[in-house]
Amino acid sequence: APEGAKAYIISPADGATVSSPVTVQFGLEEFGVAPAGVEKANTGHHHLIIDADLPDMNMPIPADENYRHFGGGQTQVTIELAPGEHSLQLLMGDHNHIPHTLPIMSEKIIITVAE
């Protein structure tokens, strides 16, 4: 990954109280988006980590309700979340869903979904 490459969550903001469904917008600097399976320098695709820790950085990112893959190159998603507190974090993966050698990830944010 190039120096300065950074993923971030545009919205919702850290600490926000939102209603479900929640639209999460992905931001990316100094790096490109390419679908899974497409091997192109300085690109990858987003993975949204919900209520979980970062995965093993040397293995493909898991695919389940806590690790959502956006292999089509999507840059936002609308998801249903239960009322309460939730953590969200972005992690870029390469064409094989493996985090880059210098991981490109956002800060973990905490949101509250209103009843």
N, C-alpha and C. Protein backbone atom coordinates (compact mmCIF):
# COMPACT_ATOMS: atom_id res chain seq x y z
N ALA A 1 0.85 -1.19 0.00
CA ALA A 1 0.00 0.00 0.00
C ALA A 1 0.88 1.25 0.00
N PRO A 2 0.50 2.25 -0.76
CA PRO A 2 1.31 3.47 -0.80
C PRO A 2 1.23 4.25 0.52
N GLU A 3 2.29 5.01 0.78
CA GLU A 3 2.30 5.84 1.98
C GLU A 3 1.16 6.85 1.90
N GLY A 4 0.49 7.06 3.01
CA GLY A 4 -0.62 8.01 3.04
C GLY A 4 -1.96 7.39 2.71
N ALA A 5 -2.00 6.12 2.30
CA ALA A 5 -3.27 5.47 2.01
C ALA A 5 -4.05 5.33 3.31
N LYS A 6 -5.33 5.65 3.25
CA LYS A 6 -6.13 5.68 4.47
C LYS A 6 -7.59 5.39 4.15
N ALA A 7 -8.21 4.55 4.96
CA ALA A 7 -9.65 4.30 4.89
C ALA A 7 -10.30 5.02 6.06
N TYR A 8 -11.52 5.48 5.87
CA TYR A 8 -12.25 6.14 6.95
C TYR A 8 -13.75 6.02 6.69
N ILE A 9 -14.51 6.19 7.75
CA ILE A 9 -15.96 6.15 7.64
C ILE A 9 -16.45 7.59 7.54
N ILE A 10 -17.09 7.92 6.40
CA ILE A 10 -17.61 9.27 6.18
C ILE A 10 -18.80 9.51 7.10
N SER A 11 -19.73 8.56 7.11
CA SER A 11 -20.88 8.64 8.00
C SER A 11 -21.36 7.22 8.28
N PRO A 12 -21.92 7.00 9.45
CA PRO A 12 -22.21 7.96 10.52
C PRO A 12 -20.93 8.38 11.25
N ALA A 13 -21.03 9.45 12.01
CA ALA A 13 -19.90 9.95 12.78
C ALA A 13 -19.72 9.13 14.06
N ASP A 14 -18.49 9.07 14.53
CA ASP A 14 -18.20 8.41 15.80
C ASP A 14 -19.06 9.05 16.89
N GLY A 15 -19.74 8.22 17.69
CA GLY A 15 -20.56 8.73 18.77
C GLY A 15 -21.99 9.07 18.37
N ALA A 16 -22.33 8.93 17.08
CA ALA A 16 -23.66 9.30 16.60
C ALA A 16 -24.73 8.35 17.13
N THR A 17 -25.93 8.89 17.31
CA THR A 17 -27.11 8.08 17.56
C THR A 17 -27.91 8.08 16.27
N VAL A 18 -28.21 6.89 15.79
CA VAL A 18 -28.86 6.73 14.48
C VAL A 18 -30.06 5.80 14.62
N SER A 19 -30.85 5.72 13.56
CA SER A 19 -31.94 4.74 13.54
C SER A 19 -31.59 3.69 12.50
N SER A 20 -32.16 2.50 12.68
CA SER A 20 -31.91 1.40 11.75
C SER A 20 -33.02 1.40 10.71
N PRO A 21 -32.70 1.13 9.43
CA PRO A 21 -31.39 0.76 8.90
C PRO A 21 -30.41 1.93 8.87
N VAL A 22 -29.13 1.60 8.96
CA VAL A 22 -28.05 2.58 9.00
C VAL A 22 -27.31 2.55 7.67
N THR A 23 -27.11 3.73 7.07
CA THR A 23 -26.29 3.81 5.86
C THR A 23 -24.87 4.20 6.28
N VAL A 24 -23.92 3.35 5.91
CA VAL A 24 -22.51 3.58 6.22
C VAL A 24 -21.82 3.95 4.91
N GLN A 25 -21.18 5.13 4.88
CA GLN A 25 -20.45 5.58 3.69
C GLN A 25 -18.96 5.41 3.95
N PHE A 26 -18.28 4.78 2.96
CA PHE A 26 -16.86 4.48 3.08
C PHE A 26 -16.03 5.57 2.40
N GLY A 27 -14.95 5.99 3.05
CA GLY A 27 -14.02 6.94 2.46
C GLY A 27 -12.66 6.30 2.28
N LEU A 28 -11.91 6.82 1.29
CA LEU A 28 -10.60 6.26 0.97
C LEU A 28 -9.73 7.36 0.39
N GLU A 29 -8.48 7.44 0.85
CA GLU A 29 -7.52 8.43 0.33
C GLU A 29 -6.27 7.72 -0.17
N GLU A 30 -5.72 8.22 -1.28
CA GLU A 30 -4.45 7.75 -1.83
C GLU A 30 -4.47 6.26 -2.18
N PHE A 31 -5.66 5.74 -2.53
CA PHE A 31 -5.79 4.33 -2.84
C PHE A 31 -7.03 4.17 -3.70
N GLY A 32 -7.07 3.14 -4.53
CA GLY A 32 -8.20 2.93 -5.43
C GLY A 32 -9.04 1.74 -5.02
N VAL A 33 -10.25 1.69 -5.59
CA VAL A 33 -11.17 0.58 -5.34
C VAL A 33 -11.23 -0.27 -6.60
N ALA A 34 -11.08 -1.58 -6.42
CA ALA A 34 -11.23 -2.54 -7.52
C ALA A 34 -11.99 -3.74 -6.97
N PRO A 35 -12.82 -4.38 -7.79
CA PRO A 35 -13.58 -5.53 -7.31
C PRO A 35 -12.67 -6.68 -6.89
N ALA A 36 -13.19 -7.56 -6.04
CA ALA A 36 -12.47 -8.77 -5.66
C ALA A 36 -12.13 -9.54 -6.92
N GLY A 37 -10.97 -10.17 -6.92
CA GLY A 37 -10.54 -10.95 -8.08
C GLY A 37 -9.78 -10.15 -9.11
N VAL A 38 -9.82 -8.81 -9.00
CA VAL A 38 -9.09 -7.95 -9.95
C VAL A 38 -7.79 -7.53 -9.29
N GLU A 39 -6.67 -8.00 -9.86
CA GLU A 39 -5.36 -7.67 -9.30
C GLU A 39 -4.82 -6.44 -10.01
N LYS A 40 -4.82 -5.31 -9.30
CA LYS A 40 -4.36 -4.04 -9.86
C LYS A 40 -3.62 -3.30 -8.75
N ALA A 41 -2.44 -2.78 -9.07
CA ALA A 41 -1.62 -2.11 -8.06
C ALA A 41 -2.39 -0.98 -7.38
N ASN A 42 -2.14 -0.82 -6.09
CA ASN A 42 -2.69 0.27 -5.28
C ASN A 42 -4.22 0.31 -5.29
N THR A 43 -4.84 -0.88 -5.32
CA THR A 43 -6.29 -0.97 -5.20
C THR A 43 -6.65 -2.11 -4.25
N GLY A 44 -7.89 -2.11 -3.86
CA GLY A 44 -8.45 -3.17 -3.03
C GLY A 44 -9.94 -2.94 -2.92
N HIS A 45 -10.58 -3.68 -2.04
CA HIS A 45 -12.01 -3.47 -1.82
C HIS A 45 -12.29 -3.45 -0.32
N HIS A 46 -13.40 -2.82 0.02
CA HIS A 46 -13.77 -2.59 1.42
C HIS A 46 -14.33 -3.83 2.10
N HIS A 47 -14.06 -3.91 3.40
CA HIS A 47 -14.69 -4.88 4.29
C HIS A 47 -15.13 -4.07 5.51
N LEU A 48 -16.38 -4.25 5.91
CA LEU A 48 -16.90 -3.55 7.08
C LEU A 48 -16.95 -4.54 8.24
N ILE A 49 -16.25 -4.19 9.31
CA ILE A 49 -16.21 -5.02 10.51
C ILE A 49 -17.23 -4.45 11.49
N ILE A 50 -18.20 -5.28 11.87
CA ILE A 50 -19.27 -4.85 12.76
C ILE A 50 -19.17 -5.63 14.07
N ASP A 51 -19.00 -4.91 15.17
CA ASP A 51 -18.98 -5.52 16.51
C ASP A 51 -17.95 -6.65 16.62
N ALA A 52 -16.78 -6.46 16.03
CA ALA A 52 -15.73 -7.48 16.09
C ALA A 52 -14.36 -6.80 16.02
N ASP A 53 -13.34 -7.58 16.35
CA ASP A 53 -11.96 -7.10 16.29
C ASP A 53 -11.39 -7.33 14.89
N LEU A 54 -10.24 -6.74 14.63
CA LEU A 54 -9.56 -6.97 13.36
C LEU A 54 -9.24 -8.46 13.23
N PRO A 55 -9.34 -9.00 12.01
CA PRO A 55 -9.02 -10.41 11.81
C PRO A 55 -7.52 -10.63 11.72
N ASP A 56 -7.11 -11.88 11.57
CA ASP A 56 -5.71 -12.23 11.31
C ASP A 56 -5.29 -11.53 10.02
N MET A 57 -4.28 -10.67 10.10
CA MET A 57 -3.88 -9.85 8.95
C MET A 57 -3.11 -10.62 7.89
N ASN A 58 -2.81 -11.90 8.14
CA ASN A 58 -2.10 -12.72 7.15
C ASN A 58 -3.00 -13.71 6.44
N MET A 59 -4.29 -13.67 6.76
CA MET A 59 -5.25 -14.61 6.19
C MET A 59 -6.37 -13.85 5.49
N PRO A 60 -7.12 -14.52 4.60
CA PRO A 60 -8.28 -13.86 4.01
C PRO A 60 -9.25 -13.42 5.11
N ILE A 61 -9.85 -12.26 4.91
CA ILE A 61 -10.80 -11.72 5.88
C ILE A 61 -12.02 -12.63 5.90
N PRO A 62 -12.49 -13.02 7.11
CA PRO A 62 -13.67 -13.89 7.17
C PRO A 62 -14.88 -13.23 6.51
N ALA A 63 -15.85 -14.03 6.16
CA ALA A 63 -17.10 -13.51 5.59
C ALA A 63 -18.25 -14.05 6.42
N ASP A 64 -18.81 -13.19 7.28
CA ASP A 64 -19.97 -13.56 8.08
C ASP A 64 -20.68 -12.28 8.50
N GLU A 65 -21.59 -12.38 9.49
CA GLU A 65 -22.37 -11.20 9.87
C GLU A 65 -21.51 -10.11 10.49
N ASN A 66 -20.31 -10.44 10.97
CA ASN A 66 -19.42 -9.44 11.56
C ASN A 66 -18.40 -8.89 10.57
N TYR A 67 -18.16 -9.61 9.49
CA TYR A 67 -17.16 -9.20 8.49
C TYR A 67 -17.87 -9.19 7.13
N ARG A 68 -18.32 -8.01 6.73
CA ARG A 68 -19.08 -7.87 5.49
C ARG A 68 -18.15 -7.49 4.35
N HIS A 69 -18.23 -8.22 3.26
CA HIS A 69 -17.37 -8.01 2.09
C HIS A 69 -18.09 -7.16 1.05
N PHE A 70 -17.34 -6.28 0.41
CA PHE A 70 -17.87 -5.44 -0.66
C PHE A 70 -16.99 -5.63 -1.89
N GLY A 71 -16.96 -6.88 -2.34
CA GLY A 71 -16.10 -7.29 -3.45
C GLY A 71 -16.51 -6.75 -4.79
N GLY A 72 -17.68 -6.12 -4.86
CA GLY A 72 -18.10 -5.49 -6.11
C GLY A 72 -17.56 -4.07 -6.25
N GLY A 73 -16.82 -3.63 -5.24
CA GLY A 73 -16.28 -2.28 -5.28
C GLY A 73 -17.21 -1.24 -4.67
N GLN A 74 -18.23 -1.68 -3.94
CA GLN A 74 -19.18 -0.74 -3.34
C GLN A 74 -18.49 0.18 -2.34
N THR A 75 -19.04 1.40 -2.22
CA THR A 75 -18.47 2.38 -1.31
C THR A 75 -19.47 2.84 -0.25
N GLN A 76 -20.60 2.15 -0.16
CA GLN A 76 -21.52 2.38 0.95
C GLN A 76 -22.45 1.19 1.07
N VAL A 77 -23.12 1.09 2.22
CA VAL A 77 -24.07 0.00 2.46
C VAL A 77 -25.12 0.50 3.44
N THR A 78 -26.33 -0.03 3.31
CA THR A 78 -27.38 0.21 4.28
C THR A 78 -27.64 -1.12 4.98
N ILE A 79 -27.48 -1.12 6.30
CA ILE A 79 -27.59 -2.36 7.09
C ILE A 79 -28.58 -2.19 8.23
N GLU A 80 -29.20 -3.30 8.59
CA GLU A 80 -30.07 -3.36 9.77
C GLU A 80 -29.20 -3.67 10.98
N LEU A 81 -29.33 -2.86 12.02
CA LEU A 81 -28.62 -3.12 13.27
C LEU A 81 -29.62 -3.05 14.42
N ALA A 82 -29.49 -3.94 15.37
CA ALA A 82 -30.36 -3.96 16.54
C ALA A 82 -30.12 -2.71 17.39
N PRO A 83 -31.14 -2.29 18.15
CA PRO A 83 -30.92 -1.15 19.05
C PRO A 83 -29.76 -1.42 20.00
N GLY A 84 -29.02 -0.37 20.34
CA GLY A 84 -27.88 -0.49 21.25
C GLY A 84 -26.62 0.03 20.61
N GLU A 85 -25.49 -0.24 21.28
CA GLU A 85 -24.19 0.26 20.84
C GLU A 85 -23.54 -0.73 19.87
N HIS A 86 -22.93 -0.20 18.83
CA HIS A 86 -22.25 -1.04 17.84
C HIS A 86 -20.92 -0.40 17.44
N SER A 87 -19.92 -1.25 17.16
CA SER A 87 -18.66 -0.74 16.63
C SER A 87 -18.61 -1.02 15.13
N LEU A 88 -18.01 -0.08 14.40
CA LEU A 88 -17.83 -0.20 12.95
C LEU A 88 -16.38 0.14 12.61
N GLN A 89 -15.79 -0.64 11.70
CA GLN A 89 -14.43 -0.36 11.25
C GLN A 89 -14.28 -0.88 9.82
N LEU A 90 -13.57 -0.13 8.99
CA LEU A 90 -13.28 -0.56 7.62
C LEU A 90 -11.89 -1.15 7.54
N LEU A 91 -11.75 -2.17 6.70
CA LEU A 91 -10.44 -2.78 6.42
C LEU A 91 -10.41 -3.11 4.94
N MET A 92 -9.41 -2.61 4.25
CA MET A 92 -9.26 -2.91 2.82
C MET A 92 -8.62 -4.29 2.66
N GLY A 93 -9.07 -5.00 1.64
CA GLY A 93 -8.48 -6.27 1.30
C GLY A 93 -8.04 -6.27 -0.16
N ASP A 94 -7.06 -7.10 -0.47
CA ASP A 94 -6.60 -7.19 -1.86
C ASP A 94 -7.56 -8.07 -2.68
N HIS A 95 -7.15 -8.42 -3.88
CA HIS A 95 -8.01 -9.19 -4.78
C HIS A 95 -8.39 -10.56 -4.20
N ASN A 96 -7.62 -11.03 -3.21
CA ASN A 96 -7.91 -12.31 -2.55
C ASN A 96 -8.48 -12.13 -1.14
N HIS A 97 -8.94 -10.92 -0.81
CA HIS A 97 -9.53 -10.60 0.50
C HIS A 97 -8.50 -10.62 1.63
N ILE A 98 -7.23 -10.50 1.32
CA ILE A 98 -6.19 -10.47 2.34
C ILE A 98 -5.80 -9.01 2.60
N PRO A 99 -5.71 -8.58 3.88
CA PRO A 99 -5.28 -7.21 4.15
C PRO A 99 -3.91 -6.93 3.54
N HIS A 100 -3.69 -5.69 3.13
CA HIS A 100 -2.42 -5.30 2.53
C HIS A 100 -1.30 -5.38 3.57
N THR A 101 -0.05 -5.48 3.11
CA THR A 101 1.09 -5.61 4.00
C THR A 101 1.14 -4.47 5.01
N LEU A 102 0.94 -3.25 4.56
CA LEU A 102 0.70 -2.14 5.47
C LEU A 102 -0.81 -1.96 5.47
N PRO A 103 -1.52 -2.46 6.49
CA PRO A 103 -2.98 -2.46 6.44
C PRO A 103 -3.58 -1.08 6.26
N ILE A 104 -4.60 -1.04 5.43
CA ILE A 104 -5.35 0.19 5.20
C ILE A 104 -6.69 -0.01 5.90
N MET A 105 -6.85 0.71 7.02
CA MET A 105 -8.06 0.54 7.81
C MET A 105 -8.46 1.86 8.44
N SER A 106 -9.72 1.92 8.80
CA SER A 106 -10.22 3.11 9.48
C SER A 106 -10.04 2.96 10.98
N GLU A 107 -10.28 4.05 11.68
CA GLU A 107 -10.41 3.98 13.13
C GLU A 107 -11.71 3.22 13.42
N LYS A 108 -11.78 2.56 14.55
CA LYS A 108 -13.03 1.91 14.97
C LYS A 108 -13.91 3.01 15.56
N ILE A 109 -15.15 3.09 15.09
CA ILE A 109 -16.09 4.06 15.66
C ILE A 109 -17.18 3.31 16.41
N ILE A 110 -17.83 4.04 17.32
CA ILE A 110 -18.95 3.49 18.10
C ILE A 110 -20.18 4.34 17.78
N ILE A 111 -21.26 3.66 17.40
CA ILE A 111 -22.54 4.34 17.18
C ILE A 111 -23.59 3.70 18.08
N THR A 112 -24.66 4.43 18.30
CA THR A 112 -25.79 3.91 19.07
C THR A 112 -27.01 3.91 18.16
N VAL A 113 -27.65 2.76 18.07
CA VAL A 113 -28.88 2.65 17.30
C VAL A 113 -30.03 2.83 18.28
N ALA A 114 -30.87 3.85 18.01
CA ALA A 114 -31.99 4.16 18.89
C ALA A 114 -33.05 3.07 18.81
N GLU A 115 -33.81 2.95 19.88
CA GLU A 115 -34.91 1.97 19.94
C GLU A 115 -35.98 2.30 18.91
